[in-house]
Amino acid sequence: MKRICAITMVRNDGFFLRKWVEYYGSILGRGNLYVIFDGKDQQIPDFCSGVNVIVKDRVEGKVVKADKGRIRCISSLARGLMERYDLAIGVDVDEFLVVDPACGVTLPEYLDSIDIKSTVSGLGVDVGQHLEKESEVDPGKPFLSQRHFGYLSSRYTKASVIAGPQRWGSGFHRVKGRNFHIDPNLYLFHFGCVDFRLIEQKMGDREKIMNGWSRHLRKRVRTIRIITSARPRRWESTVRIMRLVQTVFRVIIAPNKPSDMSLRVVVEIPERFRNTV
């Protein structure tokens, strides 16, 4: 069985970190989770018991500059861990790599069964609240039991899994010097848009606004509006088409990153995913 670890970096986000620890800890074991805290001014939550916790000096700078600093830190940790592990899952704290339940296996079992030469990606699903059909999210219940629609975005088709000492690009969007490979049974669910109220709270966070998060948060509001107003498409046929589109079309300035050609494709997430995250 391949040895697999999961890595994330977080600052002042206990809401998603609790879910992250619960999800990846349940399938990989807490001893194989590595959480980097961005800043020594943070308190380590009790729910991180059993997790490998690393506290670093704050990565300073606006969003773009800080993202580059954070990914250097994460890639450096991953390179060292490759002496002990075969694969590393690198994701933001609000991102969850899921194998299609139709496969009938766990995520570690699936990753063990496929050949990963350098990296593998799940198709990105940006999950958002449908304002007319869905109420505030209950963090004590599975997110996908409360959220039923997703925006198929190449922004979240990330190089989430690496084999060997690779170098991630900012935000895990690519691996430097390597092509991407979108697996037909993996999905990366992003929950940054899971609740409109949470986004409103972050918009009132002085630290985030000062560090350039306004534009990023406005994008999240836009995703919620797209999901609320869209007529959702059928999952099975649409994910196949979008996987092909993102494989064929690339970002012009970074051909090892997928592009969705700015298509606004919203799907209804099947019932079988309800209890996964």
C-alpha atoms as a PDB file:
ATOM      1  CA  MET A   1       0.000   0.000   0.000  1.00  0.00           C
ATOM      2  CA  LYS A   2       1.340   3.441  -0.904  1.00  0.00           C
ATOM      3  CA  ARG A   3       2.209   5.674   2.023  1.00  0.00           C
ATOM      4  CA  ILE A   4       0.178   8.889   1.710  1.00  0.00           C
ATOM      5  CA  CYS A   5       0.214  12.154   3.633  1.00  0.00           C
ATOM      6  CA  ALA A   6      -1.853  15.345   3.366  1.00  0.00           C
ATOM      7  CA  ILE A   7      -0.593  18.904   3.813  1.00  0.00           C
ATOM      8  CA  THR A   8      -2.284  22.262   4.209  1.00  0.00           C
ATOM      9  CA  MET A   9      -1.428  25.737   5.475  1.00  0.00           C
ATOM     10  CA  VAL A  10      -3.871  27.860   7.417  1.00  0.00           C
ATOM     11  CA  ARG A  11      -4.316  31.206   9.082  1.00  0.00           C
ATOM     12  CA  ASN A  12      -7.253  31.969  11.367  1.00  0.00           C
ATOM     13  CA  ASP A  13      -9.693  29.515   9.778  1.00  0.00           C
ATOM     14  CA  GLY A  14     -10.881  27.003  12.342  1.00  0.00           C
ATOM     15  CA  PHE A  15     -14.197  26.505  10.528  1.00  0.00           C
ATOM     16  CA  PHE A  16     -12.666  24.707   7.543  1.00  0.00           C
ATOM     17  CA  LEU A  17      -9.658  23.306   9.414  1.00  0.00           C
ATOM     18  CA  ARG A  18     -11.879  21.226  11.681  1.00  0.00           C
ATOM     19  CA  LYS A  19     -13.584  19.687   8.654  1.00  0.00           C
ATOM     20  CA  TRP A  20     -10.184  19.198   6.945  1.00  0.00           C
ATOM     21  CA  VAL A  21      -8.736  17.350   9.926  1.00  0.00           C
ATOM     22  CA  GLU A  22     -11.854  15.199  10.323  1.00  0.00           C
ATOM     23  CA  TYR A  23     -11.997  14.277   6.635  1.00  0.00           C
ATOM     24  CA  TYR A  24      -8.355  13.540   5.863  1.00  0.00           C
ATOM     25  CA  GLY A  25      -7.718  12.143   9.341  1.00  0.00           C
ATOM     26  CA  SER A  26     -10.502   9.587   8.919  1.00  0.00           C
ATOM     27  CA  ILE A  27      -9.045   8.194   5.687  1.00  0.00           C
ATOM     28  CA  LEU A  28      -5.291   8.695   6.142  1.00  0.00           C
ATOM     29  CA  GLY A  29      -4.851   8.734   9.920  1.00  0.00           C
ATOM     30  CA  ARG A  30      -4.112  11.907  11.862  1.00  0.00           C
ATOM     31  CA  GLY A  31      -0.439  11.015  12.141  1.00  0.00           C
ATOM     32  CA  ASN A  32      -0.175  11.464   8.364  1.00  0.00           C
ATOM     33  CA  LEU A  33      -1.619  14.997   8.368  1.00  0.00           C
ATOM     34  CA  TYR A  34       0.646  18.059   8.337  1.00  0.00           C
ATOM     35  CA  VAL A  35      -0.842  21.459   9.148  1.00  0.00           C
ATOM     36  CA  ILE A  36       1.337  24.549   8.830  1.00  0.00           C
ATOM     37  CA  PHE A  37       0.088  27.519  10.834  1.00  0.00           C
ATOM     38  CA  ASP A  38       0.913  30.782   9.086  1.00  0.00           C
ATOM     39  CA  GLY A  39       1.958  32.965  12.010  1.00  0.00           C
ATOM     40  CA  LYS A  40       3.068  32.378  15.587  1.00  0.00           C
ATOM     41  CA  ASP A  41       0.210  34.540  16.874  1.00  0.00           C
ATOM     42  CA  GLN A  42      -2.295  31.704  16.335  1.00  0.00           C
ATOM     43  CA  GLN A  43      -3.636  29.304  18.925  1.00  0.00           C
ATOM     44  CA  ILE A  44      -3.555  25.620  17.995  1.00  0.00           C
ATOM     45  CA  PRO A  45      -7.105  24.187  18.275  1.00  0.00           C
ATOM     46  CA  ASP A  46      -7.714  21.157  20.478  1.00  0.00           C
ATOM     47  CA  PHE A  47      -9.151  19.270  17.496  1.00  0.00           C
ATOM     48  CA  CYS A  48      -5.639  19.150  15.984  1.00  0.00           C
ATOM     49  CA  SER A  49      -4.619  16.556  18.570  1.00  0.00           C
ATOM     50  CA  GLY A  50      -2.622  13.796  16.866  1.00  0.00           C
ATOM     51  CA  VAL A  51      -1.874  15.953  13.818  1.00  0.00           C
ATOM     52  CA  ASN A  52       1.640  17.066  12.892  1.00  0.00           C
ATOM     53  CA  VAL A  53       1.520  20.805  13.587  1.00  0.00           C
ATOM     54  CA  ILE A  54       4.166  23.212  12.312  1.00  0.00           C
ATOM     55  CA  VAL A  55       4.049  26.871  13.320  1.00  0.00           C
ATOM     56  CA  LYS A  56       5.913  29.299  11.058  1.00  0.00           C
ATOM     57  CA  ASP A  57       6.581  33.015  11.052  1.00  0.00           C
ATOM     58  CA  ARG A  58       3.847  34.880   9.233  1.00  0.00           C
ATOM     59  CA  VAL A  59       4.199  34.991   5.432  1.00  0.00           C
ATOM     60  CA  GLU A  60       3.893  38.711   4.777  1.00  0.00           C
ATOM     61  CA  GLY A  61       2.556  40.447   1.691  1.00  0.00           C
ATOM     62  CA  LYS A  62      -0.545  40.864  -0.437  1.00  0.00           C
ATOM     63  CA  VAL A  63      -2.417  37.830  -1.795  1.00  0.00           C
ATOM     64  CA  VAL A  64      -0.189  37.016  -4.802  1.00  0.00           C
ATOM     65  CA  LYS A  65       3.123  37.518  -3.029  1.00  0.00           C
ATOM     66  CA  ALA A  66       1.952  35.696   0.098  1.00  0.00           C
ATOM     67  CA  ASP A  67       0.645  32.766  -1.975  1.00  0.00           C
ATOM     68  CA  LYS A  68       4.102  32.325  -3.500  1.00  0.00           C
ATOM     69  CA  GLY A  69       5.705  32.365  -0.081  1.00  0.00           C
ATOM     70  CA  ARG A  70       3.237  29.849   1.304  1.00  0.00           C
ATOM     71  CA  ILE A  71       3.648  27.403  -1.564  1.00  0.00           C
ATOM     72  CA  ARG A  72       7.436  27.521  -1.212  1.00  0.00           C
ATOM     73  CA  CYS A  73       7.001  26.577   2.423  1.00  0.00           C
ATOM     74  CA  ILE A  74       4.597  23.742   1.607  1.00  0.00           C
ATOM     75  CA  SER A  75       6.716  22.374  -1.272  1.00  0.00           C
ATOM     76  CA  SER A  76       9.782  22.389   0.961  1.00  0.00           C
ATOM     77  CA  LEU A  77       7.933  20.359   3.593  1.00  0.00           C
ATOM     78  CA  ALA A  78       6.632  17.936   0.947  1.00  0.00           C
ATOM     79  CA  ARG A  79      10.137  17.337  -0.439  1.00  0.00           C
ATOM     80  CA  GLY A  80      11.356  16.327   2.989  1.00  0.00           C
ATOM     81  CA  LEU A  81       8.347  14.092   3.591  1.00  0.00           C
ATOM     82  CA  MET A  82       8.996  12.179   0.358  1.00  0.00           C
ATOM     83  CA  GLU A  83      11.691  10.265   2.232  1.00  0.00           C
ATOM     84  CA  ARG A  84       8.843   8.677   4.216  1.00  0.00           C
ATOM     85  CA  TYR A  85       5.864   8.827   1.840  1.00  0.00           C
ATOM     86  CA  ASP A  86       5.071   7.742  -1.716  1.00  0.00           C
ATOM     87  CA  LEU A  87       2.423  10.412  -2.308  1.00  0.00           C
ATOM     88  CA  ALA A  88       1.542  13.795  -0.852  1.00  0.00           C
ATOM     89  CA  ILE A  89      -1.862  15.448  -1.112  1.00  0.00           C
ATOM     90  CA  GLY A  90      -1.496  19.227  -1.057  1.00  0.00           C
ATOM     91  CA  VAL A  91      -4.690  21.283  -0.808  1.00  0.00           C
ATOM     92  CA  ASP A  92      -6.021  24.491   0.697  1.00  0.00           C
ATOM     93  CA  VAL A  93      -7.920  24.092   3.948  1.00  0.00           C
ATOM     94  CA  ASP A  94     -11.302  24.421   2.173  1.00  0.00           C
ATOM     95  CA  GLU A  95     -10.519  21.795  -0.487  1.00  0.00           C
ATOM     96  CA  PHE A  96     -11.330  18.086  -0.311  1.00  0.00           C
ATOM     97  CA  LEU A  97     -10.111  15.453  -2.755  1.00  0.00           C
ATOM     98  CA  VAL A  98     -12.812  12.790  -3.202  1.00  0.00           C
ATOM     99  CA  VAL A  99     -12.913   9.554  -5.166  1.00  0.00           C
ATOM    100  CA  ASP A 100     -16.267   8.860  -6.835  1.00  0.00           C
ATOM    101  CA  PRO A 101     -18.262   6.651  -4.414  1.00  0.00           C
ATOM    102  CA  ALA A 102     -19.325   4.600  -7.454  1.00  0.00           C
ATOM    103  CA  CYS A 103     -15.795   3.132  -7.427  1.00  0.00           C
ATOM    104  CA  GLY A 104     -16.538   1.432  -4.100  1.00  0.00           C
ATOM    105  CA  VAL A 105     -13.082   2.140  -2.627  1.00  0.00           C
ATOM    106  CA  THR A 106     -11.534   4.678  -0.277  1.00  0.00           C
ATOM    107  CA  LEU A 107      -9.358   7.506  -1.543  1.00  0.00           C
ATOM    108  CA  PRO A 108      -6.107   5.839  -0.334  1.00  0.00           C
ATOM    109  CA  GLU A 109      -7.139   2.558  -1.963  1.00  0.00           C
ATOM    110  CA  TYR A 110      -7.863   4.337  -5.230  1.00  0.00           C
ATOM    111  CA  LEU A 111      -4.601   6.299  -5.235  1.00  0.00           C
ATOM    112  CA  ASP A 112      -2.774   3.034  -4.508  1.00  0.00           C
ATOM    113  CA  SER A 113      -4.363   1.424  -7.572  1.00  0.00           C
ATOM    114  CA  ILE A 114      -3.424   4.064 -10.182  1.00  0.00           C
ATOM    115  CA  ASP A 115      -0.069   4.845 -11.738  1.00  0.00           C
ATOM    116  CA  ILE A 116       1.048   8.357 -10.740  1.00  0.00           C
ATOM    117  CA  LYS A 117       4.337   9.304 -12.337  1.00  0.00           C
ATOM    118  CA  SER A 118       4.509  12.911 -11.115  1.00  0.00           C
ATOM    119  CA  THR A 119       1.060  14.327 -10.351  1.00  0.00           C
ATOM    120  CA  VAL A 120      -2.660  13.706 -10.658  1.00  0.00           C
ATOM    121  CA  SER A 121      -5.663  16.053 -10.461  1.00  0.00           C
ATOM    122  CA  GLY A 122      -9.328  15.732  -9.648  1.00  0.00           C
ATOM    123  CA  LEU A 123     -11.866  17.681 -11.693  1.00  0.00           C
ATOM    124  CA  GLY A 124     -12.547  20.943  -9.866  1.00  0.00           C
ATOM    125  CA  VAL A 125     -16.047  21.433  -8.413  1.00  0.00           C
ATOM    126  CA  ASP A 126     -16.640  24.836  -6.821  1.00  0.00           C
ATOM    127  CA  VAL A 127     -19.539  24.151  -4.456  1.00  0.00           C
ATOM    128  CA  GLY A 128     -21.739  27.143  -3.667  1.00  0.00           C
ATOM    129  CA  GLN A 129     -24.906  27.969  -1.771  1.00  0.00           C
ATOM    130  CA  HIS A 130     -28.085  28.207  -3.838  1.00  0.00           C
ATOM    131  CA  LEU A 131     -29.625  31.228  -2.156  1.00  0.00           C
ATOM    132  CA  GLU A 132     -33.177  30.330  -3.150  1.00  0.00           C
ATOM    133  CA  LYS A 133     -33.074  26.671  -2.149  1.00  0.00           C
ATOM    134  CA  GLU A 134     -30.452  26.255   0.592  1.00  0.00           C
ATOM    135  CA  SER A 135     -30.160  27.729   4.083  1.00  0.00           C
ATOM    136  CA  GLU A 136     -27.032  28.484   6.126  1.00  0.00           C
ATOM    137  CA  VAL A 137     -24.644  25.568   6.336  1.00  0.00           C
ATOM    138  CA  ASP A 138     -24.458  23.454   9.506  1.00  0.00           C
ATOM    139  CA  PRO A 139     -20.757  22.647  10.052  1.00  0.00           C
ATOM    140  CA  GLY A 140     -21.690  19.602  12.135  1.00  0.00           C
ATOM    141  CA  LYS A 141     -23.225  17.857   9.134  1.00  0.00           C
ATOM    142  CA  PRO A 142     -21.630  16.793   5.819  1.00  0.00           C
ATOM    143  CA  PHE A 143     -21.351  19.793   3.509  1.00  0.00           C
ATOM    144  CA  LEU A 144     -22.589  17.844   0.487  1.00  0.00           C
ATOM    145  CA  SER A 145     -25.740  16.788   2.331  1.00  0.00           C
ATOM    146  CA  GLN A 146     -26.616  20.502   2.439  1.00  0.00           C
ATOM    147  CA  ARG A 147     -25.186  21.781  -0.846  1.00  0.00           C
ATOM    148  CA  HIS A 148     -26.364  20.246  -4.101  1.00  0.00           C
ATOM    149  CA  PHE A 149     -24.837  22.335  -6.890  1.00  0.00           C
ATOM    150  CA  GLY A 150     -21.329  22.939  -8.159  1.00  0.00           C
ATOM    151  CA  TYR A 151     -19.616  25.140 -10.721  1.00  0.00           C
ATOM    152  CA  LEU A 152     -17.155  23.073 -12.787  1.00  0.00           C
ATOM    153  CA  SER A 153     -14.147  25.356 -12.670  1.00  0.00           C
ATOM    154  CA  SER A 154     -10.644  24.691 -13.984  1.00  0.00           C
ATOM    155  CA  ARG A 155      -9.459  27.000 -11.198  1.00  0.00           C
ATOM    156  CA  TYR A 156      -9.950  24.075  -8.837  1.00  0.00           C
ATOM    157  CA  THR A 157      -8.707  21.328 -11.133  1.00  0.00           C
ATOM    158  CA  LYS A 158      -5.438  21.428  -9.243  1.00  0.00           C
ATOM    159  CA  ALA A 159      -2.327  19.289  -9.157  1.00  0.00           C
ATOM    160  CA  SER A 160      -3.371  18.076  -5.714  1.00  0.00           C
ATOM    161  CA  VAL A 161      -1.410  14.812  -5.578  1.00  0.00           C
ATOM    162  CA  ILE A 162       2.327  14.524  -6.183  1.00  0.00           C
ATOM    163  CA  ALA A 163       4.660  11.564  -6.378  1.00  0.00           C
ATOM    164  CA  GLY A 164       8.272  12.407  -5.607  1.00  0.00           C
ATOM    165  CA  PRO A 165       9.854  15.763  -4.729  1.00  0.00           C
ATOM    166  CA  GLN A 166       7.906  18.049  -7.066  1.00  0.00           C
ATOM    167  CA  ARG A 167       7.483  21.841  -6.840  1.00  0.00           C
ATOM    168  CA  TRP A 168       3.952  23.162  -6.670  1.00  0.00           C
ATOM    169  CA  GLY A 169       2.990  26.479  -8.229  1.00  0.00           C
ATOM    170  CA  SER A 170       1.002  29.011  -6.206  1.00  0.00           C
ATOM    171  CA  GLY A 171      -2.246  27.640  -4.816  1.00  0.00           C
ATOM    172  CA  PHE A 172      -1.417  24.080  -5.992  1.00  0.00           C
ATOM    173  CA  HIS A 173      -2.666  25.090  -9.460  1.00  0.00           C
ATOM    174  CA  ARG A 174       0.183  23.282 -11.183  1.00  0.00           C
ATOM    175  CA  VAL A 175       3.455  21.420 -10.672  1.00  0.00           C
ATOM    176  CA  LYS A 176       6.504  23.192 -12.056  1.00  0.00           C
ATOM    177  CA  GLY A 177       7.906  21.495 -15.160  1.00  0.00           C
ATOM    178  CA  ARG A 178       5.229  18.772 -15.269  1.00  0.00           C
ATOM    179  CA  ASN A 179       2.014  18.275 -17.225  1.00  0.00           C
ATOM    180  CA  PHE A 180      -1.294  17.737 -15.443  1.00  0.00           C
ATOM    181  CA  HIS A 181      -3.400  14.564 -15.575  1.00  0.00           C
ATOM    182  CA  ILE A 182      -7.117  14.714 -14.712  1.00  0.00           C
ATOM    183  CA  ASP A 183      -8.237  11.368 -13.329  1.00  0.00           C
ATOM    184  CA  PRO A 184     -11.713  10.172 -14.425  1.00  0.00           C
ATOM    185  CA  ASN A 185     -12.769   9.253 -10.875  1.00  0.00           C
ATOM    186  CA  LEU A 186     -11.319  12.046  -8.738  1.00  0.00           C
ATOM    187  CA  TYR A 187     -12.947  15.363  -7.826  1.00  0.00           C
ATOM    188  CA  LEU A 188     -11.605  18.315  -5.885  1.00  0.00           C
ATOM    189  CA  PHE A 189     -14.518  19.915  -4.026  1.00  0.00           C
ATOM    190  CA  HIS A 190     -13.870  23.529  -3.061  1.00  0.00           C
ATOM    191  CA  PHE A 191     -16.084  24.900  -0.281  1.00  0.00           C
ATOM    192  CA  GLY A 192     -14.977  28.520  -0.113  1.00  0.00           C
ATOM    193  CA  CYS A 193     -18.423  29.484  -1.436  1.00  0.00           C
ATOM    194  CA  VAL A 194     -20.354  27.064   0.754  1.00  0.00           C
ATOM    195  CA  ASP A 195     -22.086  29.781   2.766  1.00  0.00           C
ATOM    196  CA  PHE A 196     -22.851  33.382   1.851  1.00  0.00           C
ATOM    197  CA  ARG A 197     -22.810  34.457   5.511  1.00  0.00           C
ATOM    198  CA  LEU A 198     -19.237  33.228   5.935  1.00  0.00           C
ATOM    199  CA  ILE A 199     -18.121  35.265   2.938  1.00  0.00           C
ATOM    200  CA  GLU A 200     -19.815  38.341   4.382  1.00  0.00           C
ATOM    201  CA  GLN A 201     -17.905  37.817   7.623  1.00  0.00           C
ATOM    202  CA  LYS A 202     -14.594  37.603   5.766  1.00  0.00           C
ATOM    203  CA  MET A 203     -15.431  40.781   3.880  1.00  0.00           C
ATOM    204  CA  GLY A 204     -15.539  42.458   7.281  1.00  0.00           C
ATOM    205  CA  ASP A 205     -12.148  41.031   8.305  1.00  0.00           C
ATOM    206  CA  ARG A 206      -9.805  44.014   8.369  1.00  0.00           C
ATOM    207  CA  GLU A 207      -6.673  41.877   8.041  1.00  0.00           C
ATOM    208  CA  LYS A 208      -7.937  40.082   4.932  1.00  0.00           C
ATOM    209  CA  ILE A 209      -9.037  43.301   3.246  1.00  0.00           C
ATOM    210  CA  MET A 210      -5.687  44.971   3.963  1.00  0.00           C
ATOM    211  CA  ASN A 211      -3.912  41.989   2.403  1.00  0.00           C
ATOM    212  CA  GLY A 212      -5.830  42.220  -0.871  1.00  0.00           C
ATOM    213  CA  TRP A 213      -8.626  39.678  -0.409  1.00  0.00           C
ATOM    214  CA  SER A 214     -11.463  41.936  -1.602  1.00  0.00           C
ATOM    215  CA  ARG A 215     -11.305  40.822  -5.242  1.00  0.00           C
ATOM    216  CA  HIS A 216     -10.987  37.171  -4.235  1.00  0.00           C
ATOM    217  CA  LEU A 217     -14.054  37.373  -1.994  1.00  0.00           C
ATOM    218  CA  ARG A 218     -16.067  39.148  -4.699  1.00  0.00           C
ATOM    219  CA  LYS A 219     -15.318  36.185  -6.989  1.00  0.00           C
ATOM    220  CA  ARG A 220     -16.822  33.886  -4.378  1.00  0.00           C
ATOM    221  CA  VAL A 221     -19.987  35.963  -4.245  1.00  0.00           C
ATOM    222  CA  ARG A 222     -20.136  35.783  -8.055  1.00  0.00           C
ATOM    223  CA  THR A 223     -19.939  31.976  -7.903  1.00  0.00           C
ATOM    224  CA  ILE A 224     -22.914  31.887  -5.539  1.00  0.00           C
ATOM    225  CA  ARG A 225     -24.884  34.134  -7.888  1.00  0.00           C
ATOM    226  CA  ILE A 226     -24.017  31.948 -10.887  1.00  0.00           C
ATOM    227  CA  ILE A 227     -25.141  28.813  -9.046  1.00  0.00           C
ATOM    228  CA  THR A 228     -28.348  30.466  -7.849  1.00  0.00           C
ATOM    229  CA  SER A 229     -29.343  31.671 -11.317  1.00  0.00           C
ATOM    230  CA  ALA A 230     -28.141  28.747 -13.457  1.00  0.00           C
ATOM    231  CA  ARG A 231     -30.085  25.838 -14.821  1.00  0.00           C
ATOM    232  CA  PRO A 232     -27.957  22.887 -13.627  1.00  0.00           C
ATOM    233  CA  ARG A 233     -26.811  20.247 -16.095  1.00  0.00           C
ATOM    234  CA  ARG A 234     -26.682  16.498 -15.647  1.00  0.00           C
ATOM    235  CA  TRP A 235     -23.564  15.348 -13.804  1.00  0.00           C
ATOM    236  CA  GLU A 236     -22.467  12.218 -15.680  1.00  0.00           C
ATOM    237  CA  SER A 237     -22.313  13.552 -19.228  1.00  0.00           C
ATOM    238  CA  THR A 238     -21.206  17.051 -18.228  1.00  0.00           C
ATOM    239  CA  VAL A 239     -18.200  16.047 -16.128  1.00  0.00           C
ATOM    240  CA  ARG A 240     -16.935  13.881 -18.991  1.00  0.00           C
ATOM    241  CA  ILE A 241     -17.189  16.788 -21.414  1.00  0.00           C
ATOM    242  CA  MET A 242     -15.560  19.279 -19.037  1.00  0.00           C
ATOM    243  CA  ARG A 243     -12.743  16.883 -18.242  1.00  0.00           C
ATOM    244  CA  LEU A 244     -12.023  16.701 -21.988  1.00  0.00           C
ATOM    245  CA  VAL A 245     -12.311  20.489 -22.423  1.00  0.00           C
ATOM    246  CA  GLN A 246      -9.900  21.153 -19.562  1.00  0.00           C
ATOM    247  CA  THR A 247      -7.440  18.582 -20.891  1.00  0.00           C
ATOM    248  CA  VAL A 248      -7.408  20.008 -24.416  1.00  0.00           C
ATOM    249  CA  PHE A 249      -7.460  23.723 -23.605  1.00  0.00           C
ATOM    250  CA  ARG A 250      -4.641  25.253 -21.590  1.00  0.00           C
ATOM    251  CA  VAL A 251      -3.877  28.575 -19.946  1.00  0.00           C
ATOM    252  CA  ILE A 252      -1.922  30.498 -22.603  1.00  0.00           C
ATOM    253  CA  ILE A 253       0.780  31.757 -20.262  1.00  0.00           C
ATOM    254  CA  ALA A 254       0.972  28.431 -18.386  1.00  0.00           C
ATOM    255  CA  PRO A 255       0.257  25.449 -20.673  1.00  0.00           C
ATOM    256  CA  ASN A 256       0.604  23.002 -17.775  1.00  0.00           C
ATOM    257  CA  LYS A 257      -2.580  24.452 -16.244  1.00  0.00           C
ATOM    258  CA  PRO A 258      -6.082  23.532 -17.507  1.00  0.00           C
ATOM    259  CA  SER A 259      -8.562  26.040 -18.925  1.00  0.00           C
ATOM    260  CA  ASP A 260     -12.352  25.811 -19.055  1.00  0.00           C
ATOM    261  CA  MET A 261     -12.606  28.522 -21.760  1.00  0.00           C
ATOM    262  CA  SER A 262     -14.583  30.707 -19.315  1.00  0.00           C
ATOM    263  CA  LEU A 263     -17.589  28.406 -19.648  1.00  0.00           C
ATOM    264  CA  ARG A 264     -20.128  28.777 -16.847  1.00  0.00           C
ATOM    265  CA  VAL A 265     -21.127  25.177 -16.291  1.00  0.00           C
ATOM    266  CA  VAL A 266     -23.188  24.338 -13.219  1.00  0.00           C
ATOM    267  CA  VAL A 267     -24.120  20.756 -12.337  1.00  0.00           C
ATOM    268  CA  GLU A 268     -26.281  19.049  -9.759  1.00  0.00           C
ATOM    269  CA  ILE A 269     -24.087  16.882  -7.540  1.00  0.00           C
ATOM    270  CA  PRO A 270     -25.358  13.270  -7.396  1.00  0.00           C
ATOM    271  CA  GLU A 271     -26.883  11.766  -4.273  1.00  0.00           C
ATOM    272  CA  ARG A 272     -24.006   9.298  -3.905  1.00  0.00           C
ATOM    273  CA  PHE A 273     -21.663  12.122  -2.820  1.00  0.00           C
ATOM    274  CA  ARG A 274     -23.936  13.326   0.006  1.00  0.00           C
ATOM    275  CA  ASN A 275     -21.984  11.845   2.936  1.00  0.00           C
ATOM    276  CA  THR A 276     -18.454  12.059   1.542  1.00  0.00           C
ATOM    277  CA  VAL A 277     -17.532  15.470   2.967  1.00  0.00           C
END
